[in-house]
Amino acid sequence: MTVYAWPSGLPQLVLVDSFKFTYPKQVISTQMDVGPPKQRRRSTAAVSPIVARVWLDSAGKILFDEFYLTTLAGGSLPFEWADPLTQITATFRFQAEKPPTLTPVHGTLFVLEMNLDKLP
């Protein structure tokens, strides 16, 4: 499967005040008849949820629309981008239940909020 790259014409860095990284959920808990729940590691290949925002101008909005809607088939395909924490290239995908939101700020300036999964 082809993995596309985050377009170079879009912001490469996220807004620090909005960035949120969640460690992957790798533990499953099972309730016991008596005593505390039993916990075990479910998998070593879990996704790490990320919330990030970037500024876009009108040209960036057009580029993002093309990337998200066409290239990534409505956000269903993975893409490579520099991890906001390490700046090392990693594979991400958009969370299906939380599509990106675009908020107009002023004139042709927008804030794009993305809920992503960093794939193992």
PDB file of N, CA and C in Angstrom:
ATOM      1  N   MET A   1       0.840  -1.177   0.000  1.00  0.00           N
ATOM      2  CA  MET A   1       0.000   0.000   0.000  1.00  0.00           C
ATOM      3  C   MET A   1       0.886   1.241   0.000  1.00  0.00           C
ATOM      4  N   THR A   2       0.491   2.214  -0.780  1.00  0.00           N
ATOM      5  CA  THR A   2       1.210   3.473  -0.859  1.00  0.00           C
ATOM      6  C   THR A   2       0.934   4.310   0.384  1.00  0.00           C
ATOM      7  N   VAL A   3       1.995   4.845   0.966  1.00  0.00           N
ATOM      8  CA  VAL A   3       1.846   5.778   2.079  1.00  0.00           C
ATOM      9  C   VAL A   3       2.293   7.139   1.566  1.00  0.00           C
ATOM     10  N   TYR A   4       1.401   8.096   1.594  1.00  0.00           N
ATOM     11  CA  TYR A   4       1.663   9.431   1.083  1.00  0.00           C
ATOM     12  C   TYR A   4       2.387  10.270   2.124  1.00  0.00           C
ATOM     13  N   ALA A   5       3.039  11.311   1.667  1.00  0.00           N
ATOM     14  CA  ALA A   5       3.748  12.227   2.556  1.00  0.00           C
ATOM     15  C   ALA A   5       2.913  13.479   2.786  1.00  0.00           C
ATOM     16  N   TRP A   6       2.989  14.008   4.003  1.00  0.00           N
ATOM     17  CA  TRP A   6       2.373  15.289   4.330  1.00  0.00           C
ATOM     18  C   TRP A   6       2.956  16.321   3.369  1.00  0.00           C
ATOM     19  N   PRO A   7       2.132  17.107   2.688  1.00  0.00           N
ATOM     20  CA  PRO A   7       2.642  18.044   1.679  1.00  0.00           C
ATOM     21  C   PRO A   7       3.606  19.082   2.258  1.00  0.00           C
ATOM     22  N   SER A   8       4.676  19.347   1.516  1.00  0.00           N
ATOM     23  CA  SER A   8       5.668  20.325   1.972  1.00  0.00           C
ATOM     24  C   SER A   8       5.094  21.737   2.010  1.00  0.00           C
ATOM     25  N   GLY A   9       4.019  21.992   1.263  1.00  0.00           N
ATOM     26  CA  GLY A   9       3.380  23.302   1.255  1.00  0.00           C
ATOM     27  C   GLY A   9       2.486  23.569   2.456  1.00  0.00           C
ATOM     28  N   LEU A  10       2.287  22.557   3.300  1.00  0.00           N
ATOM     29  CA  LEU A  10       1.501  22.724   4.529  1.00  0.00           C
ATOM     30  C   LEU A  10       2.452  22.928   5.701  1.00  0.00           C
ATOM     31  N   PRO A  11       1.988  23.523   6.805  1.00  0.00           N
ATOM     32  CA  PRO A  11       2.862  23.733   7.961  1.00  0.00           C
ATOM     33  C   PRO A  11       3.479  22.415   8.431  1.00  0.00           C
ATOM     34  N   GLN A  12       4.765  22.464   8.734  1.00  0.00           N
ATOM     35  CA  GLN A  12       5.480  21.275   9.191  1.00  0.00           C
ATOM     36  C   GLN A  12       5.525  21.193  10.716  1.00  0.00           C
ATOM     37  N   LEU A  13       5.229  22.294  11.382  1.00  0.00           N
ATOM     38  CA  LEU A  13       5.227  22.333  12.842  1.00  0.00           C
ATOM     39  C   LEU A  13       3.830  22.656  13.340  1.00  0.00           C
ATOM     40  N   VAL A  14       3.463  22.073  14.466  1.00  0.00           N
ATOM     41  CA  VAL A  14       2.139  22.306  15.040  1.00  0.00           C
ATOM     42  C   VAL A  14       2.224  23.431  16.065  1.00  0.00           C
ATOM     43  N   LEU A  15       1.065  24.002  16.395  1.00  0.00           N
ATOM     44  CA  LEU A  15       1.002  25.037  17.424  1.00  0.00           C
ATOM     45  C   LEU A  15       1.211  24.388  18.787  1.00  0.00           C
ATOM     46  N   VAL A  16       2.195  24.854  19.510  1.00  0.00           N
ATOM     47  CA  VAL A  16       2.577  24.235  20.779  1.00  0.00           C
ATOM     48  C   VAL A  16       1.433  24.241  21.788  1.00  0.00           C
ATOM     49  N   ASP A  17       0.673  25.328  21.850  1.00  0.00           N
ATOM     50  CA  ASP A  17      -0.376  25.432  22.862  1.00  0.00           C
ATOM     51  C   ASP A  17      -1.528  24.461  22.641  1.00  0.00           C
ATOM     52  N   SER A  18      -1.575  23.831  21.473  1.00  0.00           N
ATOM     53  CA  SER A  18      -2.682  22.931  21.182  1.00  0.00           C
ATOM     54  C   SER A  18      -2.279  21.468  21.159  1.00  0.00           C
ATOM     55  N   PHE A  19      -0.989  21.214  21.138  1.00  0.00           N
ATOM     56  CA  PHE A  19      -0.508  19.851  20.942  1.00  0.00           C
ATOM     57  C   PHE A  19      -0.805  18.988  22.170  1.00  0.00           C
ATOM     58  N   LYS A  20      -1.315  17.782  21.903  1.00  0.00           N
ATOM     59  CA  LYS A  20      -1.605  16.847  22.991  1.00  0.00           C
ATOM     60  C   LYS A  20      -1.257  15.440  22.511  1.00  0.00           C
ATOM     61  N   PHE A  21      -0.346  14.789  23.215  1.00  0.00           N
ATOM     62  CA  PHE A  21       0.078  13.427  22.904  1.00  0.00           C
ATOM     63  C   PHE A  21      -0.423  12.522  24.019  1.00  0.00           C
ATOM     64  N   THR A  22      -1.029  11.397  23.647  1.00  0.00           N
ATOM     65  CA  THR A  22      -1.488  10.419  24.626  1.00  0.00           C
ATOM     66  C   THR A  22      -0.736   9.126  24.386  1.00  0.00           C
ATOM     67  N   TYR A  23      -0.167   8.584  25.452  1.00  0.00           N
ATOM     68  CA  TYR A  23       0.535   7.309  25.311  1.00  0.00           C
ATOM     69  C   TYR A  23      -0.448   6.228  24.886  1.00  0.00           C
ATOM     70  N   PRO A  24       0.042   5.223  24.161  1.00  0.00           N
ATOM     71  CA  PRO A  24      -0.870   4.177  23.664  1.00  0.00           C
ATOM     72  C   PRO A  24      -1.466   3.359  24.797  1.00  0.00           C
ATOM     73  N   LYS A  25      -2.702   2.935  24.595  1.00  0.00           N
ATOM     74  CA  LYS A  25      -3.369   2.073  25.566  1.00  0.00           C
ATOM     75  C   LYS A  25      -2.993   0.633  25.230  1.00  0.00           C
ATOM     76  N   GLN A  26      -2.162   0.030  26.090  1.00  0.00           N
ATOM     77  CA  GLN A  26      -1.666  -1.310  25.822  1.00  0.00           C
ATOM     78  C   GLN A  26      -2.094  -2.323  26.887  1.00  0.00           C
ATOM     79  N   VAL A  27      -2.906  -1.880  27.832  1.00  0.00           N
ATOM     80  CA  VAL A  27      -3.290  -2.739  28.951  1.00  0.00           C
ATOM     81  C   VAL A  27      -4.770  -3.059  28.882  1.00  0.00           C
ATOM     82  N   ILE A  28      -5.098  -4.293  29.165  1.00  0.00           N
ATOM     83  CA  ILE A  28      -6.498  -4.708  29.272  1.00  0.00           C
ATOM     84  C   ILE A  28      -6.729  -5.118  30.724  1.00  0.00           C
ATOM     85  N   SER A  29      -7.881  -4.759  31.233  1.00  0.00           N
ATOM     86  CA  SER A  29      -8.230  -5.054  32.617  1.00  0.00           C
ATOM     87  C   SER A  29      -9.427  -6.011  32.635  1.00  0.00           C
ATOM     88  N   THR A  30      -9.325  -7.047  33.451  1.00  0.00           N
ATOM     89  CA  THR A  30     -10.391  -8.029  33.577  1.00  0.00           C
ATOM     90  C   THR A  30     -10.860  -8.070  35.030  1.00  0.00           C
ATOM     91  N   GLN A  31     -12.155  -7.868  35.233  1.00  0.00           N
ATOM     92  CA  GLN A  31     -12.713  -7.879  36.576  1.00  0.00           C
ATOM     93  C   GLN A  31     -12.723  -9.312  37.106  1.00  0.00           C
ATOM     94  N   MET A  32     -12.232  -9.510  38.316  1.00  0.00           N
ATOM     95  CA  MET A  32     -12.219 -10.810  38.983  1.00  0.00           C
ATOM     96  C   MET A  32     -13.446 -10.929  39.886  1.00  0.00           C
ATOM     97  N   ASP A  33     -13.831 -12.154  40.222  1.00  0.00           N
ATOM     98  CA  ASP A  33     -14.951 -12.359  41.147  1.00  0.00           C
ATOM     99  C   ASP A  33     -14.650 -11.735  42.506  1.00  0.00           C
ATOM    100  N   VAL A  34     -13.386 -11.837  42.907  1.00  0.00           N
ATOM    101  CA  VAL A  34     -12.960 -11.301  44.193  1.00  0.00           C
ATOM    102  C   VAL A  34     -11.616 -10.614  43.993  1.00  0.00           C
ATOM    103  N   GLY A  35     -11.429  -9.500  44.652  1.00  0.00           N
ATOM    104  CA  GLY A  35     -10.147  -8.818  44.584  1.00  0.00           C
ATOM    105  C   GLY A  35     -10.076  -7.815  43.446  1.00  0.00           C
ATOM    106  N   PRO A  36      -8.889  -7.248  43.304  1.00  0.00           N
ATOM    107  CA  PRO A  36      -8.716  -6.213  42.282  1.00  0.00           C
ATOM    108  C   PRO A  36      -8.740  -6.801  40.870  1.00  0.00           C
ATOM    109  N   PRO A  37      -9.057  -5.985  39.896  1.00  0.00           N
ATOM    110  CA  PRO A  37      -9.040  -6.468  38.514  1.00  0.00           C
ATOM    111  C   PRO A  37      -7.634  -6.923  38.107  1.00  0.00           C
ATOM    112  N   LYS A  38      -7.602  -7.897  37.239  1.00  0.00           N
ATOM    113  CA  LYS A  38      -6.344  -8.395  36.703  1.00  0.00           C
ATOM    114  C   LYS A  38      -5.992  -7.560  35.469  1.00  0.00           C
ATOM    115  N   GLN A  39      -4.721  -7.174  35.363  1.00  0.00           N
ATOM    116  CA  GLN A  39      -4.288  -6.393  34.215  1.00  0.00           C
ATOM    117  C   GLN A  39      -3.168  -7.116  33.489  1.00  0.00           C
ATOM    118  N   ARG A  40      -3.192  -6.988  32.161  1.00  0.00           N
ATOM    119  CA  ARG A  40      -2.118  -7.572  31.360  1.00  0.00           C
ATOM    120  C   ARG A  40      -1.924  -6.702  30.125  1.00  0.00           C
ATOM    121  N   ARG A  41      -0.758  -6.848  29.559  1.00  0.00           N
ATOM    122  CA  ARG A  41      -0.469  -6.122  28.329  1.00  0.00           C
ATOM    123  C   ARG A  41      -1.220  -6.775  27.175  1.00  0.00           C
ATOM    124  N   ARG A  42      -1.941  -5.989  26.424  1.00  0.00           N
ATOM    125  CA  ARG A  42      -2.732  -6.497  25.301  1.00  0.00           C
ATOM    126  C   ARG A  42      -1.875  -6.643  24.057  1.00  0.00           C
ATOM    127  N   SER A  43      -1.057  -5.625  23.778  1.00  0.00           N
ATOM    128  CA  SER A  43      -0.295  -5.617  22.541  1.00  0.00           C
ATOM    129  C   SER A  43       0.849  -4.634  22.654  1.00  0.00           C
ATOM    130  N   THR A  44       1.874  -4.851  21.863  1.00  0.00           N
ATOM    131  CA  THR A  44       2.964  -3.872  21.795  1.00  0.00           C
ATOM    132  C   THR A  44       2.767  -2.952  20.594  1.00  0.00           C
ATOM    133  N   ALA A  45       1.787  -3.238  19.758  1.00  0.00           N
ATOM    134  CA  ALA A  45       1.526  -2.457  18.542  1.00  0.00           C
ATOM    135  C   ALA A  45       0.248  -1.641  18.703  1.00  0.00           C
ATOM    136  N   ALA A  46       0.312  -0.637  19.551  1.00  0.00           N
ATOM    137  CA  ALA A  46      -0.865   0.202  19.793  1.00  0.00           C
ATOM    138  C   ALA A  46      -0.638   1.594  19.209  1.00  0.00           C
ATOM    139  N   VAL A  47      -1.729   2.275  18.902  1.00  0.00           N
ATOM    140  CA  VAL A  47      -1.635   3.629  18.350  1.00  0.00           C
ATOM    141  C   VAL A  47      -1.538   4.657  19.478  1.00  0.00           C
ATOM    142  N   SER A  48      -0.902   5.779  19.169  1.00  0.00           N
ATOM    143  CA  SER A  48      -0.797   6.898  20.109  1.00  0.00           C
ATOM    144  C   SER A  48      -1.642   8.047  19.578  1.00  0.00           C
ATOM    145  N   PRO A  49      -2.721   8.390  20.265  1.00  0.00           N
ATOM    146  CA  PRO A  49      -3.559   9.505  19.811  1.00  0.00           C
ATOM    147  C   PRO A  49      -2.844  10.855  19.973  1.00  0.00           C
ATOM    148  N   ILE A  50      -3.047  11.717  18.990  1.00  0.00           N
ATOM    149  CA  ILE A  50      -2.451  13.048  18.990  1.00  0.00           C
ATOM    150  C   ILE A  50      -3.512  14.063  18.576  1.00  0.00           C
ATOM    151  N   VAL A  51      -3.524  15.188  19.257  1.00  0.00           N
ATOM    152  CA  VAL A  51      -4.347  16.328  18.846  1.00  0.00           C
ATOM    153  C   VAL A  51      -3.368  17.444  18.510  1.00  0.00           C
ATOM    154  N   ALA A  52      -3.528  18.018  17.316  1.00  0.00           N
ATOM    155  CA  ALA A  52      -2.613  19.078  16.886  1.00  0.00           C
ATOM    156  C   ALA A  52      -3.378  20.110  16.068  1.00  0.00           C
ATOM    157  N   ARG A  53      -2.890  21.348  16.136  1.00  0.00           N
ATOM    158  CA  ARG A  53      -3.467  22.431  15.329  1.00  0.00           C
ATOM    159  C   ARG A  53      -2.358  23.106  14.546  1.00  0.00           C
ATOM    160  N   VAL A  54      -2.736  23.580  13.366  1.00  0.00           N
ATOM    161  CA  VAL A  54      -1.815  24.363  12.528  1.00  0.00           C
ATOM    162  C   VAL A  54      -2.575  25.553  11.954  1.00  0.00           C
ATOM    163  N   TRP A  55      -1.818  26.610  11.612  1.00  0.00           N
ATOM    164  CA  TRP A  55      -2.385  27.760  10.918  1.00  0.00           C
ATOM    165  C   TRP A  55      -2.395  27.470   9.429  1.00  0.00           C
ATOM    166  N   LEU A  56      -3.461  27.861   8.743  1.00  0.00           N
ATOM    167  CA  LEU A  56      -3.532  27.757   7.287  1.00  0.00           C
ATOM    168  C   LEU A  56      -4.007  29.079   6.709  1.00  0.00           C
ATOM    169  N   ASP A  57      -3.419  29.462   5.581  1.00  0.00           N
ATOM    170  CA  ASP A  57      -3.986  30.579   4.819  1.00  0.00           C
ATOM    171  C   ASP A  57      -4.884  29.970   3.741  1.00  0.00           C
ATOM    172  N   SER A  58      -5.433  30.776   2.864  1.00  0.00           N
ATOM    173  CA  SER A  58      -6.376  30.237   1.874  1.00  0.00           C
ATOM    174  C   SER A  58      -5.697  29.238   0.942  1.00  0.00           C
ATOM    175  N   ALA A  59      -4.426  29.463   0.571  1.00  0.00           N
ATOM    176  CA  ALA A  59      -3.709  28.507  -0.278  1.00  0.00           C
ATOM    177  C   ALA A  59      -3.477  27.196   0.476  1.00  0.00           C
ATOM    178  N   GLY A  60      -3.161  27.294   1.760  1.00  0.00           N
ATOM    179  CA  GLY A  60      -2.971  26.094   2.580  1.00  0.00           C
ATOM    180  C   GLY A  60      -4.259  25.318   2.738  1.00  0.00           C
ATOM    181  N   LYS A  61      -5.382  26.017   2.842  1.00  0.00           N
ATOM    182  CA  LYS A  61      -6.679  25.348   2.945  1.00  0.00           C
ATOM    183  C   LYS A  61      -6.958  24.548   1.680  1.00  0.00           C
ATOM    184  N   ILE A  62      -6.706  25.145   0.522  1.00  0.00           N
ATOM    185  CA  ILE A  62      -6.925  24.441  -0.744  1.00  0.00           C
ATOM    186  C   ILE A  62      -6.023  23.216  -0.835  1.00  0.00           C
ATOM    187  N   LEU A  63      -4.759  23.359  -0.435  1.00  0.00           N
ATOM    188  CA  LEU A  63      -3.821  22.243  -0.462  1.00  0.00           C
ATOM    189  C   LEU A  63      -4.246  21.137   0.504  1.00  0.00           C
ATOM    190  N   PHE A  64      -4.682  21.533   1.723  1.00  0.00           N
ATOM    191  CA  PHE A  64      -5.131  20.520   2.687  1.00  0.00           C
ATOM    192  C   PHE A  64      -6.382  19.808   2.181  1.00  0.00           C
ATOM    193  N   ASP A  65      -7.334  20.551   1.633  1.00  0.00           N
ATOM    194  CA  ASP A  65      -8.552  19.934   1.093  1.00  0.00           C
ATOM    195  C   ASP A  65      -8.204  18.867   0.063  1.00  0.00           C
ATOM    196  N   GLU A  66      -7.291  19.179  -0.843  1.00  0.00           N
ATOM    197  CA  GLU A  66      -6.878  18.226  -1.884  1.00  0.00           C
ATOM    198  C   GLU A  66      -6.202  17.000  -1.259  1.00  0.00           C
ATOM    199  N   PHE A  67      -5.319  17.253  -0.299  1.00  0.00           N
ATOM    200  CA  PHE A  67      -4.596  16.157   0.359  1.00  0.00           C
ATOM    201  C   PHE A  67      -5.552  15.249   1.130  1.00  0.00           C
ATOM    202  N   TYR A  68      -6.404  15.849   1.957  1.00  0.00           N
ATOM    203  CA  TYR A  68      -7.302  15.075   2.818  1.00  0.00           C
ATOM    204  C   TYR A  68      -8.413  14.391   2.023  1.00  0.00           C
ATOM    205  N   LEU A  69      -9.118  15.153   1.198  1.00  0.00           N
ATOM    206  CA  LEU A  69     -10.296  14.624   0.505  1.00  0.00           C
ATOM    207  C   LEU A  69      -9.951  13.713  -0.670  1.00  0.00           C
ATOM    208  N   THR A  70      -8.916  14.067  -1.425  1.00  0.00           N
ATOM    209  CA  THR A  70      -8.597  13.311  -2.636  1.00  0.00           C
ATOM    210  C   THR A  70      -7.455  12.314  -2.414  1.00  0.00           C
ATOM    211  N   THR A  71      -6.284  12.837  -2.045  1.00  0.00           N
ATOM    212  CA  THR A  71      -5.107  11.969  -1.903  1.00  0.00           C
ATOM    213  C   THR A  71      -5.325  10.899  -0.842  1.00  0.00           C
ATOM    214  N   LEU A  72      -5.845  11.300   0.320  1.00  0.00           N
ATOM    215  CA  LEU A  72      -6.052  10.345   1.417  1.00  0.00           C
ATOM    216  C   LEU A  72      -7.468   9.764   1.439  1.00  0.00           C
ATOM    217  N   ALA A  73      -8.219   9.950   0.362  1.00  0.00           N
ATOM    218  CA  ALA A  73      -9.567   9.374   0.236  1.00  0.00           C
ATOM    219  C   ALA A  73     -10.435   9.702   1.452  1.00  0.00           C
ATOM    220  N   GLY A  74     -10.557  10.987   1.717  1.00  0.00           N
ATOM    221  CA  GLY A  74     -11.388  11.422   2.842  1.00  0.00           C
ATOM    222  C   GLY A  74     -10.774  11.108   4.197  1.00  0.00           C
ATOM    223  N   GLY A  75      -9.453  11.021   4.246  1.00  0.00           N
ATOM    224  CA  GLY A  75      -8.768  10.755   5.512  1.00  0.00           C
ATOM    225  C   GLY A  75      -8.657   9.284   5.852  1.00  0.00           C
ATOM    226  N   SER A  76      -8.981   8.400   4.925  1.00  0.00           N
ATOM    227  CA  SER A  76      -8.973   6.959   5.239  1.00  0.00           C
ATOM    228  C   SER A  76      -7.599   6.304   5.077  1.00  0.00           C
ATOM    229  N   LEU A  77      -6.661   6.981   4.420  1.00  0.00           N
ATOM    230  CA  LEU A  77      -5.343   6.392   4.177  1.00  0.00           C
ATOM    231  C   LEU A  77      -4.292   6.994   5.105  1.00  0.00           C
ATOM    232  N   PRO A  78      -3.250   6.229   5.425  1.00  0.00           N
ATOM    233  CA  PRO A  78      -2.181   6.751   6.285  1.00  0.00           C
ATOM    234  C   PRO A  78      -1.265   7.697   5.509  1.00  0.00           C
ATOM    235  N   PHE A  79      -0.495   8.472   6.245  1.00  0.00           N
ATOM    236  CA  PHE A  79       0.482   9.379   5.636  1.00  0.00           C
ATOM    237  C   PHE A  79       1.680   9.510   6.557  1.00  0.00           C
ATOM    238  N   GLU A  80       2.796   9.941   5.982  1.00  0.00           N
ATOM    239  CA  GLU A  80       4.014  10.149   6.760  1.00  0.00           C
ATOM    240  C   GLU A  80       4.199  11.636   7.021  1.00  0.00           C
ATOM    241  N   TRP A  81       4.672  11.932   8.218  1.00  0.00           N
ATOM    242  CA  TRP A  81       4.896  13.305   8.644  1.00  0.00           C
ATOM    243  C   TRP A  81       5.922  13.277   9.763  1.00  0.00           C
ATOM    244  N   ALA A  82       6.599  14.368   9.995  1.00  0.00           N
ATOM    245  CA  ALA A  82       7.550  14.452  11.102  1.00  0.00           C
ATOM    246  C   ALA A  82       6.773  14.459  12.421  1.00  0.00           C
ATOM    247  N   ASP A  83       7.122  13.542  13.306  1.00  0.00           N
ATOM    248  CA  ASP A  83       6.483  13.480  14.622  1.00  0.00           C
ATOM    249  C   ASP A  83       6.680  14.826  15.317  1.00  0.00           C
ATOM    250  N   PRO A  84       5.605  15.455  15.809  1.00  0.00           N
ATOM    251  CA  PRO A  84       5.731  16.771  16.450  1.00  0.00           C
ATOM    252  C   PRO A  84       6.650  16.782  17.674  1.00  0.00           C
ATOM    253  N   LEU A  85       6.837  15.639  18.334  1.00  0.00           N
ATOM    254  CA  LEU A  85       7.714  15.587  19.511  1.00  0.00           C
ATOM    255  C   LEU A  85       9.174  15.370  19.149  1.00  0.00           C
ATOM    256  N   THR A  86       9.429  14.476  18.196  1.00  0.00           N
ATOM    257  CA  THR A  86      10.809  14.073  17.894  1.00  0.00           C
ATOM    258  C   THR A  86      11.332  14.609  16.579  1.00  0.00           C
ATOM    259  N   GLN A  87      10.438  15.061  15.693  1.00  0.00           N
ATOM    260  CA  GLN A  87      10.765  15.492  14.338  1.00  0.00           C
ATOM    261  C   GLN A  87      11.324  14.352  13.484  1.00  0.00           C
ATOM    262  N   ILE A  88      11.115  13.110  13.911  1.00  0.00           N
ATOM    263  CA  ILE A  88      11.477  11.931  13.129  1.00  0.00           C
ATOM    264  C   ILE A  88      10.241  11.501  12.348  1.00  0.00           C
ATOM    265  N   THR A  89      10.415  11.163  11.075  1.00  0.00           N
ATOM    266  CA  THR A  89       9.290  10.774  10.226  1.00  0.00           C
ATOM    267  C   THR A  89       8.580   9.558  10.807  1.00  0.00           C
ATOM    268  N   ALA A  90       7.259   9.661  10.908  1.00  0.00           N
ATOM    269  CA  ALA A  90       6.427   8.575  11.431  1.00  0.00           C
ATOM    270  C   ALA A  90       5.182   8.470  10.552  1.00  0.00           C
ATOM    271  N   THR A  91       4.426   7.397  10.755  1.00  0.00           N
ATOM    272  CA  THR A  91       3.200   7.187   9.990  1.00  0.00           C
ATOM    273  C   THR A  91       2.002   7.539  10.854  1.00  0.00           C
ATOM    274  N   PHE A  92       1.096   8.332  10.285  1.00  0.00           N
ATOM    275  CA  PHE A  92      -0.107   8.794  10.977  1.00  0.00           C
ATOM    276  C   PHE A  92      -1.334   8.468  10.143  1.00  0.00           C
ATOM    277  N   ARG A  93      -2.491   8.552  10.788  1.00  0.00           N
ATOM    278  CA  ARG A  93      -3.765   8.522  10.079  1.00  0.00           C
ATOM    279  C   ARG A  93      -4.733   9.413  10.851  1.00  0.00           C
ATOM    280  N   PHE A  94      -5.738   9.910  10.148  1.00  0.00           N
ATOM    281  CA  PHE A  94      -6.766  10.716  10.792  1.00  0.00           C
ATOM    282  C   PHE A  94      -7.722   9.785  11.533  1.00  0.00           C
ATOM    283  N   GLN A  95      -8.163  10.203  12.711  1.00  0.00           N
ATOM    284  CA  GLN A  95      -9.128   9.398  13.461  1.00  0.00           C
ATOM    285  C   GLN A  95     -10.479   9.484  12.762  1.00  0.00           C
ATOM    286  N   ALA A  96     -11.059   8.323  12.476  1.00  0.00           N
ATOM    287  CA  ALA A  96     -12.312   8.264  11.718  1.00  0.00           C
ATOM    288  C   ALA A  96     -13.463   8.943  12.460  1.00  0.00           C
ATOM    289  N   GLU A  97     -13.496   8.814  13.779  1.00  0.00           N
ATOM    290  CA  GLU A  97     -14.625   9.352  14.539  1.00  0.00           C
ATOM    291  C   GLU A  97     -14.485  10.843  14.849  1.00  0.00           C
ATOM    292  N   LYS A  98     -13.309  11.427  14.550  1.00  0.00           N
ATOM    293  CA  LYS A  98     -13.087  12.853  14.805  1.00  0.00           C
ATOM    294  C   LYS A  98     -12.395  13.483  13.598  1.00  0.00           C
ATOM    295  N   PRO A  99     -13.147  13.794  12.547  1.00  0.00           N
ATOM    296  CA  PRO A  99     -12.517  14.396  11.363  1.00  0.00           C
ATOM    297  C   PRO A  99     -11.937  15.774  11.685  1.00  0.00           C
ATOM    298  N   PRO A 100     -11.032  16.257  10.847  1.00  0.00           N
ATOM    299  CA  PRO A 100     -10.432  17.573  11.081  1.00  0.00           C
ATOM    300  C   PRO A 100     -11.478  18.678  11.077  1.00  0.00           C
ATOM    301  N   THR A 101     -11.200  19.724  11.833  1.00  0.00           N
ATOM    302  CA  THR A 101     -12.087  20.894  11.841  1.00  0.00           C
ATOM    303  C   THR A 101     -11.290  22.120  11.419  1.00  0.00           C
ATOM    304  N   LEU A 102     -11.939  22.990  10.681  1.00  0.00           N
ATOM    305  CA  LEU A 102     -11.325  24.208  10.182  1.00  0.00           C
ATOM    306  C   LEU A 102     -12.097  25.388  10.753  1.00  0.00           C
ATOM    307  N   THR A 103     -11.406  26.258  11.476  1.00  0.00           N
ATOM    308  CA  THR A 103     -12.043  27.411  12.093  1.00  0.00           C
ATOM    309  C   THR A 103     -11.485  28.694  11.495  1.00  0.00           C
ATOM    310  N   PRO A 104     -12.350  29.519  10.867  1.00  0.00           N
ATOM    311  CA  PRO A 104     -11.872  30.810  10.363  1.00  0.00           C
ATOM    312  C   PRO A 104     -11.450  31.703  11.528  1.00  0.00           C
ATOM    313  N   VAL A 105     -10.309  32.366  11.382  1.00  0.00           N
ATOM    314  CA  VAL A 105      -9.806  33.244  12.433  1.00  0.00           C
ATOM    315  C   VAL A 105      -9.969  34.702  12.023  1.00  0.00           C
ATOM    316  N   HIS A 106      -9.474  35.024  10.840  1.00  0.00           N
ATOM    317  CA  HIS A 106      -9.559  36.405  10.363  1.00  0.00           C
ATOM    318  C   HIS A 106      -9.293  36.417   8.866  1.00  0.00           C
ATOM    319  N   GLY A 107     -10.218  36.915   8.112  1.00  0.00           N
ATOM    320  CA  GLY A 107     -10.023  37.004   6.665  1.00  0.00           C
ATOM    321  C   GLY A 107      -9.757  35.638   6.045  1.00  0.00           C
ATOM    322  N   THR A 108      -8.552  35.458   5.528  1.00  0.00           N
ATOM    323  CA  THR A 108      -8.192  34.193   4.882  1.00  0.00           C
ATOM    324  C   THR A 108      -7.291  33.331   5.759  1.00  0.00           C
ATOM    325  N   LEU A 109      -7.341  33.548   7.066  1.00  0.00           N
ATOM    326  CA  LEU A 109      -6.537  32.778   8.014  1.00  0.00           C
ATOM    327  C   LEU A 109      -7.429  31.798   8.760  1.00  0.00           C
ATOM    328  N   PHE A 110      -6.981  30.542   8.860  1.00  0.00           N
ATOM    329  CA  PHE A 110      -7.755  29.475   9.487  1.00  0.00           C
ATOM    330  C   PHE A 110      -6.892  28.715  10.476  1.00  0.00           C
ATOM    331  N   VAL A 111      -7.560  28.071  11.435  1.00  0.00           N
ATOM    332  CA  VAL A 111      -6.902  27.109  12.310  1.00  0.00           C
ATOM    333  C   VAL A 111      -7.468  25.740  11.973  1.00  0.00           C
ATOM    334  N   LEU A 112      -6.577  24.812  11.650  1.00  0.00           N
ATOM    335  CA  LEU A 112      -6.958  23.439  11.345  1.00  0.00           C
ATOM    336  C   LEU A 112      -6.622  22.584  12.554  1.00  0.00           C
ATOM    337  N   GLU A 113      -7.648  21.935  13.132  1.00  0.00           N
ATOM    338  CA  GLU A 113      -7.424  21.023  14.254  1.00  0.00           C
ATOM    339  C   GLU A 113      -7.564  19.596  13.753  1.00  0.00           C
ATOM    340  N   MET A 114      -6.562  18.773  14.099  1.00  0.00           N
ATOM    341  CA  MET A 114      -6.529  17.391  13.614  1.00  0.00           C
ATOM    342  C   MET A 114      -6.404  16.425  14.780  1.00  0.00           C
ATOM    343  N   ASN A 115      -7.201  15.368  14.740  1.00  0.00           N
ATOM    344  CA  ASN A 115      -7.096  14.264  15.681  1.00  0.00           C
ATOM    345  C   ASN A 115      -6.466  13.111  14.905  1.00  0.00           C
ATOM    346  N   LEU A 116      -5.249  12.780  15.279  1.00  0.00           N
ATOM    347  CA  LEU A 116      -4.465  11.797  14.551  1.00  0.00           C
ATOM    348  C   LEU A 116      -4.138  10.596  15.423  1.00  0.00           C
ATOM    349  N   ASP A 117      -3.841   9.493  14.778  1.00  0.00           N
ATOM    350  CA  ASP A 117      -3.270   8.324  15.438  1.00  0.00           C
ATOM    351  C   ASP A 117      -1.873   8.133  14.888  1.00  0.00           C
ATOM    352  N   LYS A 118      -0.882   8.078  15.776  1.00  0.00           N
ATOM    353  CA  LYS A 118       0.478   7.722  15.338  1.00  0.00           C
ATOM    354  C   LYS A 118       0.516   6.205  15.319  1.00  0.00           C
ATOM    355  N   LEU A 119       0.794   5.646  14.156  1.00  0.00           N
ATOM    356  CA  LEU A 119       0.766   4.203  13.985  1.00  0.00           C
ATOM    357  C   LEU A 119       2.089   3.586  14.417  1.00  0.00           C
ATOM    358  N   PRO A 120       2.038   2.353  14.923  1.00  0.00           N
ATOM    359  CA  PRO A 120       3.290   1.695  15.356  1.00  0.00           C
ATOM    360  C   PRO A 120       4.173   1.338  14.175  1.00  0.00           C
TER     361      PRO A 120
END
